[in-house]
Amino acid sequence: MMKQYKYPNITDWKSLFERPLKNQENLSEQVKSVFDEVKTNSDKALKIFTEKFDGVILNDFKVSENEIEEAKNLVSDELKSAIQTASKNIRKFHTSQQEEKKVIETTEGVFCWRESRAIENIGIYIPGGTAPLFSTVLMLGIPANIAGCKNIALCSPPDKNGKINPAILFTADLVGIKTIFKVGGSQAIAGLTFGTETIPKVDKIFGPGNQYVTFAKQLALNYNVAIDIPAGPSEVLVIADESSIPEFVASDLLSQAEHGTDSQVILLSNSENILNKINIEIKKQLADLPRKEIAEIALQNSKSILLNSIYEAIDFSNFYAPEHLILSIENAENFTDKITNAGSVFLGIHSPESAGDYASGTNHTLPTNGFAKNYSGVSLDSYVKKITFQNITKNGIKNIGKTIELMAEAEELMAHKNAISIRLKYLKNEN
């Protein structure tokens, strides 16, 4: 179960922030080896790694139209309806993030603005493994569609029968993704990074995964391929006070613990009584979970911490910078301005993290491992580039010309100065 701590000194907080990590040296060597093989041998390497890591021999990685149609028939009408409802909410929220062009006249005659352009070629990685995350297809495919990305390639690991989960294929088709490959792990990221005979090279890679996938995405940066965020094992931090309901909090903690053995959950409270009740409830609910063994291992890496006040708990949370933060406290909305580091925040006892994972509308692809200190979660902005424009009139260059000349001369960049001086002289002669 969760490790318990009472009133830790602030000097000891750093040790409590540690996430469960695999041996980074071995992980690094393995992923770099995969990248080298895929770069050199392309599809041949993908075939070898798919057999080695997924236990299946594939001669064709691309998902056919027939497989997509077959998958649609394997998804229940009830689940299809649920996915469609979530899709509408996610589309509505992300559509609201579109920006209108604003032309600003910074000086009389000097007009500046910026416009968004979609990243043309993107790759989406969808974990399969112990939990096929078809919801992530919605989270990543919908904003790509809204942004206008031209080419979208999706990779997901095959099962032992060489198939991708039907719900993943149905959801991909729903959001307009037709280019789908049965390739998983770091080899999928390598394929999207370099391109192979089958998989297209992309400009930016999106999607969560285990630590191998996360390291592979960071390695892709060395080859001029951008990534969304370093999204690794899932995590949640819950702050609970006496107003919280132990059953609710326990369910929130377990919903993250069941993601994977390397997930982490943190429980903070100013009440020892409520901590004890929540821990008792965790044991009760854990016994009935199908993924009990996974959650139990995750809980061994997790912590229950008693602190002096809710304000101290929020300070702790800001240091930890959780992927998900749940404020299961009275008047939770009054504390929002105190939160500086978090991927996504859930306010009050009726705002479970599961809502954000599936259907409320916000994106669930979020920074983990403390990266919420300097990364945002995925949004429409993740799929576009911002290009600045300026249009300077004759009057405008007259108005700012002298300023530019003086600054360029002070930096001893005389060609820069001349680009202004020549124009000013031309305009003077013209008059």
Protein backbone atom coordinates (compact mmCIF):
# COMPACT_ATOMS: atom_id res chain seq x y z
CA MET A 1 0.00 0.00 0.00
CA MET A 2 0.93 3.67 -0.03
CA LYS A 3 3.84 4.82 2.10
CA GLN A 4 2.68 7.17 4.86
CA TYR A 5 4.39 10.34 6.11
CA LYS A 6 3.44 12.81 8.84
CA TYR A 7 4.39 16.48 8.78
CA PRO A 8 7.60 16.07 6.74
CA ASN A 9 10.04 18.95 7.02
CA ILE A 10 10.21 21.10 3.89
CA THR A 11 13.87 20.12 3.54
CA ASP A 12 12.71 16.51 3.05
CA TRP A 13 10.15 17.32 0.35
CA LYS A 14 12.58 16.79 -2.50
CA SER A 15 12.98 13.10 -1.65
CA LEU A 16 9.19 12.74 -1.62
CA PHE A 17 8.95 14.10 -5.18
CA GLU A 18 10.90 11.22 -6.70
CA ARG A 19 9.07 9.28 -9.40
CA PRO A 20 9.57 5.55 -9.98
CA LEU A 21 12.12 5.20 -12.79
CA LYS A 22 13.63 2.33 -14.69
CA ASN A 23 17.41 2.05 -15.07
CA GLN A 24 18.00 5.01 -17.37
CA GLU A 25 21.34 3.73 -18.66
CA ASN A 26 19.93 0.40 -19.86
CA LEU A 27 16.83 2.13 -21.22
CA SER A 28 18.96 4.63 -23.15
CA GLU A 29 21.14 1.93 -24.68
CA GLN A 30 18.17 -0.15 -25.79
CA VAL A 31 16.28 2.74 -27.38
CA LYS A 32 19.37 4.06 -29.17
CA SER A 33 19.98 0.57 -30.52
CA VAL A 34 16.42 0.42 -31.84
CA PHE A 35 16.83 3.83 -33.50
CA ASP A 36 20.08 2.78 -35.19
CA GLU A 37 18.52 -0.42 -36.52
CA VAL A 38 15.40 1.29 -37.85
CA LYS A 39 17.44 4.09 -39.43
CA THR A 40 19.60 1.52 -41.23
CA ASN A 41 17.19 -1.31 -41.99
CA SER A 42 13.76 0.37 -42.03
CA ASP A 43 10.85 -2.09 -42.34
CA LYS A 44 13.12 -5.10 -41.88
CA ALA A 45 14.08 -3.78 -38.44
CA LEU A 46 10.44 -3.02 -37.58
CA LYS A 47 9.51 -6.61 -38.41
CA ILE A 48 12.25 -7.98 -36.14
CA PHE A 49 11.34 -5.69 -33.22
CA THR A 50 7.61 -6.39 -33.60
CA GLU A 51 8.29 -10.11 -33.32
CA LYS A 52 10.66 -9.57 -30.38
CA PHE A 53 8.57 -7.13 -28.32
CA ASP A 54 4.99 -7.88 -29.41
CA GLY A 55 5.30 -11.58 -30.11
CA VAL A 56 3.82 -11.49 -33.60
CA ILE A 57 5.27 -11.78 -37.13
CA LEU A 58 3.86 -9.20 -39.54
CA ASN A 59 4.59 -8.91 -43.24
CA ASP A 60 2.46 -5.80 -43.68
CA PHE A 61 2.25 -3.10 -41.00
CA LYS A 62 -0.40 -0.94 -42.63
CA VAL A 63 -3.97 -1.40 -41.48
CA SER A 64 -6.23 -2.09 -44.46
CA GLU A 65 -9.64 -0.58 -45.20
CA ASN A 66 -11.14 -4.02 -44.64
CA GLU A 67 -9.62 -4.19 -41.15
CA ILE A 68 -11.09 -0.78 -40.32
CA GLU A 69 -14.55 -1.81 -41.56
CA GLU A 70 -14.29 -5.08 -39.66
CA ALA A 71 -13.35 -3.22 -36.48
CA LYS A 72 -16.44 -0.97 -36.74
CA ASN A 73 -18.64 -4.04 -36.55
CA LEU A 74 -16.84 -5.28 -33.45
CA VAL A 75 -17.53 -2.15 -31.40
CA SER A 76 -20.89 -2.08 -29.63
CA ASP A 77 -23.41 0.61 -30.54
CA GLU A 78 -23.38 1.74 -26.90
CA LEU A 79 -19.62 2.31 -26.92
CA LYS A 80 -19.80 4.00 -30.32
CA SER A 81 -22.36 6.42 -28.92
CA ALA A 82 -20.17 7.14 -25.88
CA ILE A 83 -17.14 7.81 -28.10
CA GLN A 84 -19.20 10.11 -30.31
CA THR A 85 -20.44 12.08 -27.29
CA ALA A 86 -16.88 12.49 -26.00
CA SER A 87 -15.79 13.49 -29.51
CA LYS A 88 -18.34 16.32 -29.64
CA ASN A 89 -17.23 17.72 -26.27
CA ILE A 90 -13.53 17.52 -27.14
CA ARG A 91 -14.13 19.13 -30.53
CA LYS A 92 -16.18 21.93 -28.96
CA PHE A 93 -13.50 22.76 -26.39
CA HIS A 94 -10.60 22.65 -28.86
CA THR A 95 -12.46 24.61 -31.55
CA SER A 96 -12.80 27.43 -29.01
CA GLN A 97 -9.00 27.70 -29.01
CA GLN A 98 -8.86 28.99 -32.59
CA GLU A 99 -7.46 32.52 -32.80
CA GLU A 100 -8.57 35.35 -35.04
CA LYS A 101 -5.94 37.38 -36.87
CA LYS A 102 -5.26 40.66 -35.03
CA VAL A 103 -3.43 43.36 -36.97
CA ILE A 104 -1.65 45.76 -34.59
CA GLU A 105 -0.34 49.16 -35.66
CA THR A 106 2.70 49.43 -33.38
CA THR A 107 3.77 52.76 -34.82
CA GLU A 108 1.85 54.86 -37.34
CA GLY A 109 2.31 53.07 -40.65
CA VAL A 110 3.81 49.88 -39.10
CA PHE A 111 1.41 46.95 -39.09
CA CYS A 112 2.22 43.62 -37.36
CA TRP A 113 0.25 40.42 -36.92
CA ARG A 114 0.62 36.68 -36.74
CA GLU A 115 -1.18 33.80 -38.38
CA SER A 116 -1.41 30.09 -37.60
CA ARG A 117 -0.30 27.42 -40.04
CA ALA A 118 -0.87 23.73 -39.43
CA ILE A 119 2.10 21.40 -39.04
CA GLU A 120 1.67 19.37 -42.21
CA ASN A 121 3.01 15.94 -41.23
CA ILE A 122 2.29 14.57 -37.78
CA GLY A 123 2.62 11.18 -36.13
CA ILE A 124 0.34 9.94 -33.36
CA TYR A 125 1.34 7.16 -30.99
CA ILE A 126 -1.43 5.26 -29.22
CA PRO A 127 -0.40 2.81 -26.47
CA GLY A 128 -1.90 -0.65 -26.63
CA GLY A 129 -0.37 -2.98 -24.10
CA THR A 130 -2.46 -3.65 -21.02
CA ALA A 131 -4.92 -0.83 -21.80
CA PRO A 132 -5.76 0.16 -25.41
CA LEU A 133 -6.16 3.94 -25.12
CA PHE A 134 -8.70 4.68 -27.85
CA SER A 135 -9.60 7.86 -25.93
CA THR A 136 -6.16 9.22 -26.80
CA VAL A 137 -7.09 8.96 -30.48
CA LEU A 138 -9.80 11.52 -29.78
CA MET A 139 -7.47 13.75 -27.78
CA LEU A 140 -4.80 13.83 -30.48
CA GLY A 141 -6.77 13.33 -33.68
CA ILE A 142 -9.48 15.94 -33.13
CA PRO A 143 -7.21 19.00 -32.65
CA ALA A 144 -5.05 17.78 -35.57
CA ASN A 145 -8.19 17.76 -37.69
CA ILE A 146 -9.29 21.22 -36.48
CA ALA A 147 -5.80 22.64 -37.12
CA GLY A 148 -5.82 21.30 -40.68
CA CYS A 149 -2.81 18.96 -40.53
CA LYS A 150 -2.52 17.42 -44.01
CA ASN A 151 -0.93 14.06 -43.24
CA ILE A 152 -1.62 12.13 -40.04
CA ALA A 153 0.04 8.76 -39.40
CA LEU A 154 -1.03 6.70 -36.39
CA CYS A 155 1.02 3.90 -34.84
CA SER A 156 -0.20 1.44 -32.22
CA PRO A 157 1.20 -1.94 -31.13
CA PRO A 158 -0.50 -5.09 -32.42
CA ASP A 159 -1.83 -7.85 -30.19
CA LYS A 160 -0.70 -11.49 -30.41
CA ASN A 161 -3.03 -11.96 -33.39
CA GLY A 162 -1.51 -9.05 -35.29
CA LYS A 163 -4.55 -6.85 -34.73
CA ILE A 164 -5.10 -3.38 -33.28
CA ASN A 165 -7.94 -3.03 -30.77
CA PRO A 166 -11.20 -2.41 -32.69
CA ALA A 167 -12.10 0.63 -30.57
CA ILE A 168 -8.83 2.30 -31.58
CA LEU A 169 -9.57 1.70 -35.27
CA PHE A 170 -13.20 2.85 -34.96
CA THR A 171 -12.12 6.05 -33.18
CA ALA A 172 -9.36 6.75 -35.71
CA ASP A 173 -11.87 6.42 -38.54
CA LEU A 174 -14.32 8.68 -36.67
CA VAL A 175 -11.77 11.51 -36.50
CA GLY A 176 -10.62 11.01 -40.08
CA ILE A 177 -7.34 9.12 -39.62
CA LYS A 178 -6.86 6.53 -42.37
CA THR A 179 -3.08 5.96 -42.28
CA ILE A 180 -2.61 3.48 -39.44
CA PHE A 181 0.29 1.14 -38.70
CA LYS A 182 0.58 -1.91 -36.46
CA VAL A 183 3.86 -0.87 -34.85
CA GLY A 184 4.47 -0.07 -31.18
CA GLY A 185 7.13 0.93 -28.68
CA SER A 186 10.31 2.85 -29.38
CA GLN A 187 10.49 1.23 -32.84
CA ALA A 188 7.29 3.08 -33.83
CA ILE A 189 8.79 6.39 -32.74
CA ALA A 190 11.95 5.56 -34.71
CA GLY A 191 9.85 4.74 -37.77
CA LEU A 192 8.03 8.08 -37.58
CA THR A 193 11.35 9.86 -37.01
CA PHE A 194 13.26 8.48 -40.00
CA GLY A 195 10.52 7.17 -42.24
CA THR A 196 10.63 3.63 -43.66
CA GLU A 197 9.40 1.92 -46.80
CA THR A 198 5.97 1.82 -45.14
CA ILE A 199 5.81 4.50 -42.44
CA PRO A 200 6.11 8.16 -43.52
CA LYS A 201 8.58 10.51 -41.87
CA VAL A 202 6.80 13.17 -39.82
CA ASP A 203 7.55 16.65 -38.51
CA LYS A 204 6.11 16.21 -35.02
CA ILE A 205 5.20 13.21 -32.85
CA PHE A 206 2.33 13.14 -30.36
CA GLY A 207 1.21 10.63 -27.80
CA PRO A 208 1.91 9.11 -24.39
CA GLY A 209 3.69 5.87 -23.62
CA ASN A 210 5.95 4.03 -21.22
CA GLN A 211 9.47 5.19 -20.41
CA TYR A 212 10.87 3.60 -23.57
CA VAL A 213 8.45 5.55 -25.73
CA THR A 214 9.10 8.73 -23.75
CA PHE A 215 12.88 8.39 -24.15
CA ALA A 216 12.43 7.59 -27.85
CA LYS A 217 10.45 10.80 -28.35
CA GLN A 218 13.18 12.81 -26.65
CA LEU A 219 15.74 11.08 -28.87
CA ALA A 220 13.69 12.07 -31.93
CA LEU A 221 14.46 15.71 -31.11
CA ASN A 222 18.08 15.01 -32.11
CA TYR A 223 16.84 14.30 -35.64
CA ASN A 224 14.87 17.55 -36.09
CA VAL A 225 11.52 15.96 -35.25
CA ALA A 226 9.46 17.90 -32.71
CA ILE A 227 7.41 16.25 -29.95
CA ASP A 228 4.35 17.34 -28.02
CA ILE A 229 5.54 16.89 -24.42
CA PRO A 230 7.59 14.37 -22.43
CA ALA A 231 4.49 12.37 -21.48
CA GLY A 232 5.49 9.31 -19.48
CA PRO A 233 3.82 7.20 -16.79
CA SER A 234 0.57 8.63 -15.46
CA GLU A 235 0.31 10.38 -12.09
CA VAL A 236 -2.23 12.14 -9.91
CA LEU A 237 -1.99 14.23 -6.76
CA VAL A 238 -5.11 14.60 -4.62
CA ILE A 239 -5.53 17.19 -1.88
CA ALA A 240 -8.34 16.21 0.50
CA ASP A 241 -9.79 17.84 3.59
CA GLU A 242 -12.54 16.82 6.02
CA SER A 243 -15.21 17.80 3.47
CA SER A 244 -14.00 15.17 1.01
CA ILE A 245 -15.72 11.82 0.58
CA PRO A 246 -13.21 8.96 1.16
CA GLU A 247 -14.88 6.66 -1.38
CA PHE A 248 -14.52 9.32 -4.09
CA VAL A 249 -10.87 10.07 -3.31
CA ALA A 250 -9.93 6.39 -3.16
CA SER A 251 -11.51 5.80 -6.57
CA ASP A 252 -9.58 8.75 -8.04
CA LEU A 253 -6.28 7.45 -6.69
CA LEU A 254 -6.92 3.92 -7.95
CA SER A 255 -7.99 5.19 -11.38
CA GLN A 256 -4.42 6.36 -11.89
CA ALA A 257 -2.73 3.46 -10.09
CA GLU A 258 -4.34 1.00 -12.51
CA HIS A 259 -2.72 2.69 -15.52
CA GLY A 260 0.57 0.88 -15.02
CA THR A 261 3.07 -0.42 -12.50
CA ASP A 262 5.18 2.72 -12.98
CA SER A 263 2.27 5.08 -12.29
CA GLN A 264 2.31 7.14 -9.10
CA VAL A 265 -0.39 8.62 -6.89
CA ILE A 266 0.08 11.15 -4.10
CA LEU A 267 -2.46 11.91 -1.37
CA LEU A 268 -2.14 15.05 0.74
CA SER A 269 -4.33 16.20 3.60
CA ASN A 270 -4.41 18.37 6.69
CA SER A 271 -6.49 15.70 8.45
CA GLU A 272 -5.08 12.41 9.74
CA ASN A 273 -8.62 11.18 10.17
CA ILE A 274 -9.47 11.63 6.50
CA LEU A 275 -6.17 10.07 5.38
CA ASN A 276 -6.93 6.96 7.43
CA LYS A 277 -10.44 6.70 6.02
CA ILE A 278 -9.20 7.06 2.46
CA ASN A 279 -6.51 4.42 2.92
CA ILE A 280 -9.09 2.00 4.34
CA GLU A 281 -11.33 2.68 1.36
CA ILE A 282 -8.44 2.09 -1.07
CA LYS A 283 -8.02 -1.43 0.34
CA LYS A 284 -11.74 -2.10 -0.07
CA GLN A 285 -11.95 -0.91 -3.67
CA LEU A 286 -8.64 -2.46 -4.67
CA ALA A 287 -9.90 -5.94 -3.87
CA ASP A 288 -12.55 -5.72 -6.61
CA LEU A 289 -10.40 -4.27 -9.40
CA PRO A 290 -9.60 -6.46 -12.44
CA ARG A 291 -6.22 -4.69 -12.65
CA LYS A 292 -5.57 -5.19 -8.94
CA GLU A 293 -2.01 -6.52 -9.36
CA ILE A 294 -0.95 -3.53 -11.48
CA ALA A 295 -2.51 -1.05 -9.05
CA GLU A 296 -0.88 -2.74 -6.05
CA ILE A 297 2.61 -2.30 -7.53
CA ALA A 298 1.87 1.34 -8.40
CA LEU A 299 0.70 1.97 -4.85
CA GLN A 300 4.05 0.75 -3.52
CA ASN A 301 5.60 3.76 -5.30
CA SER A 302 2.93 6.10 -3.95
CA LYS A 303 2.62 8.30 -0.87
CA SER A 304 0.07 9.46 1.67
CA ILE A 305 1.27 12.63 3.42
CA LEU A 306 -0.15 14.54 6.37
CA LEU A 307 0.59 18.28 6.23
CA ASN A 308 -0.24 21.26 8.42
CA SER A 309 -2.71 23.02 6.12
CA ILE A 310 -4.30 23.05 2.69
CA TYR A 311 -2.05 25.96 1.77
CA GLU A 312 1.01 23.85 2.62
CA ALA A 313 -0.46 21.03 0.53
CA ILE A 314 -0.78 23.36 -2.45
CA ASP A 315 2.84 24.47 -1.97
CA PHE A 316 3.86 20.81 -1.99
CA SER A 317 1.81 20.21 -5.14
CA ASN A 318 3.42 23.16 -6.92
CA PHE A 319 6.86 21.71 -6.14
CA TYR A 320 5.78 18.25 -7.32
CA ALA A 321 4.06 19.63 -10.46
CA PRO A 322 1.58 16.78 -11.00
CA GLU A 323 0.13 15.69 -14.31
CA HIS A 324 -3.33 15.67 -12.70
CA LEU A 325 -4.29 17.65 -9.60
CA ILE A 326 -7.58 17.04 -7.79
CA LEU A 327 -8.73 19.50 -5.14
CA SER A 328 -11.21 17.48 -3.11
CA ILE A 329 -11.63 20.31 -0.65
CA GLU A 330 -14.23 22.83 0.45
CA ASN A 331 -14.49 25.89 -1.84
CA ALA A 332 -11.89 24.44 -4.20
CA GLU A 333 -12.41 27.19 -6.79
CA ASN A 334 -11.06 29.74 -4.29
CA PHE A 335 -7.61 28.15 -4.52
CA THR A 336 -7.11 28.22 -8.29
CA ASP A 337 -4.91 31.33 -8.26
CA LYS A 338 -2.51 29.53 -5.88
CA ILE A 339 -1.83 26.74 -8.38
CA THR A 340 1.25 27.40 -10.51
CA ASN A 341 2.36 23.94 -11.68
CA ALA A 342 -0.09 21.29 -12.86
CA GLY A 343 -1.07 19.66 -16.13
CA SER A 344 -4.83 19.68 -15.54
CA VAL A 345 -6.82 20.58 -12.43
CA PHE A 346 -10.09 19.09 -11.17
CA LEU A 347 -12.07 21.17 -8.70
CA GLY A 348 -14.41 19.79 -6.07
CA ILE A 349 -15.70 16.36 -5.13
CA HIS A 350 -17.72 15.89 -8.32
CA SER A 351 -14.81 16.52 -10.73
CA PRO A 352 -13.02 13.16 -11.07
CA GLU A 353 -9.89 12.92 -13.18
CA SER A 354 -11.66 10.27 -15.27
CA ALA A 355 -13.87 13.04 -16.71
CA GLY A 356 -10.83 14.73 -18.20
CA ASP A 357 -9.48 11.41 -19.41
CA TYR A 358 -12.54 10.76 -21.50
CA ALA A 359 -15.33 13.19 -22.12
CA SER A 360 -15.41 16.59 -20.39
CA GLY A 361 -13.61 18.19 -23.35
CA THR A 362 -10.15 19.06 -22.05
CA ASN A 363 -7.12 17.21 -23.40
CA HIS A 364 -5.68 14.32 -21.40
CA THR A 365 -2.23 14.34 -23.02
CA LEU A 366 -0.37 16.14 -20.25
CA PRO A 367 3.15 16.73 -18.92
CA THR A 368 4.36 14.21 -16.33
CA ASN A 369 7.46 13.70 -14.20
CA GLY A 370 7.53 17.33 -13.08
CA PHE A 371 7.42 18.76 -16.61
CA ALA A 372 4.23 20.64 -15.70
CA LYS A 373 6.67 23.27 -14.42
CA ASN A 374 7.59 24.19 -17.99
CA TYR A 375 5.18 22.44 -20.39
CA SER A 376 1.49 22.79 -21.14
CA GLY A 377 -0.77 19.92 -22.04
CA VAL A 378 -1.66 19.29 -25.67
CA SER A 379 -4.00 21.87 -27.20
CA LEU A 380 -4.82 23.24 -30.64
CA ASP A 381 -1.63 25.33 -30.39
CA SER A 382 0.39 22.10 -30.34
CA TYR A 383 -0.53 21.46 -33.98
CA VAL A 384 0.21 24.85 -35.46
CA LYS A 385 3.12 27.18 -36.04
CA LYS A 386 2.73 30.90 -35.45
CA ILE A 387 4.14 32.99 -38.28
CA THR A 388 4.56 36.73 -37.75
CA PHE A 389 3.90 39.24 -40.53
CA GLN A 390 4.64 42.92 -40.90
CA ASN A 391 3.69 45.49 -43.49
CA ILE A 392 5.49 48.82 -43.29
CA THR A 393 4.27 51.79 -45.30
CA LYS A 394 6.36 54.72 -46.52
CA ASN A 395 5.19 56.71 -43.53
CA GLY A 396 5.95 53.77 -41.25
CA ILE A 397 9.60 53.42 -42.35
CA LYS A 398 10.03 57.16 -41.87
CA ASN A 399 8.65 56.89 -38.34
CA ILE A 400 10.82 54.00 -37.10
CA GLY A 401 13.79 54.35 -39.47
CA LYS A 402 15.94 56.53 -37.23
CA THR A 403 15.39 54.19 -34.27
CA ILE A 404 16.58 51.20 -36.30
CA GLU A 405 19.59 53.08 -37.68
CA LEU A 406 20.77 54.07 -34.21
CA MET A 407 20.37 50.55 -32.79
CA ALA A 408 22.08 48.85 -35.76
CA GLU A 409 25.02 51.26 -35.65
CA ALA A 410 25.43 50.70 -31.91
CA GLU A 411 25.69 46.95 -32.57
CA GLU A 412 28.15 47.66 -35.41
CA LEU A 413 25.93 45.98 -37.97
CA MET A 414 26.22 48.52 -40.74
CA ALA A 415 24.45 46.49 -43.43
CA HIS A 416 21.43 46.46 -41.16
CA LYS A 417 21.64 50.25 -40.89
CA ASN A 418 22.11 50.64 -44.63
CA ALA A 419 18.93 48.66 -45.35
CA ILE A 420 17.10 51.52 -43.62
CA SER A 421 19.26 54.43 -44.75
CA ILE A 422 18.92 53.54 -48.44
CA ARG A 423 15.14 53.52 -48.15
CA LEU A 424 15.00 56.80 -46.25
CA LYS A 425 17.27 58.42 -48.81
CA TYR A 426 15.12 57.08 -51.64
CA LEU A 427 11.96 58.46 -50.05
CA LYS A 428 13.64 61.82 -49.45
CA ASN A 429 14.71 62.10 -53.10
CA GLU A 430 11.25 60.98 -54.20
CA ASN A 431 9.77 64.00 -52.46
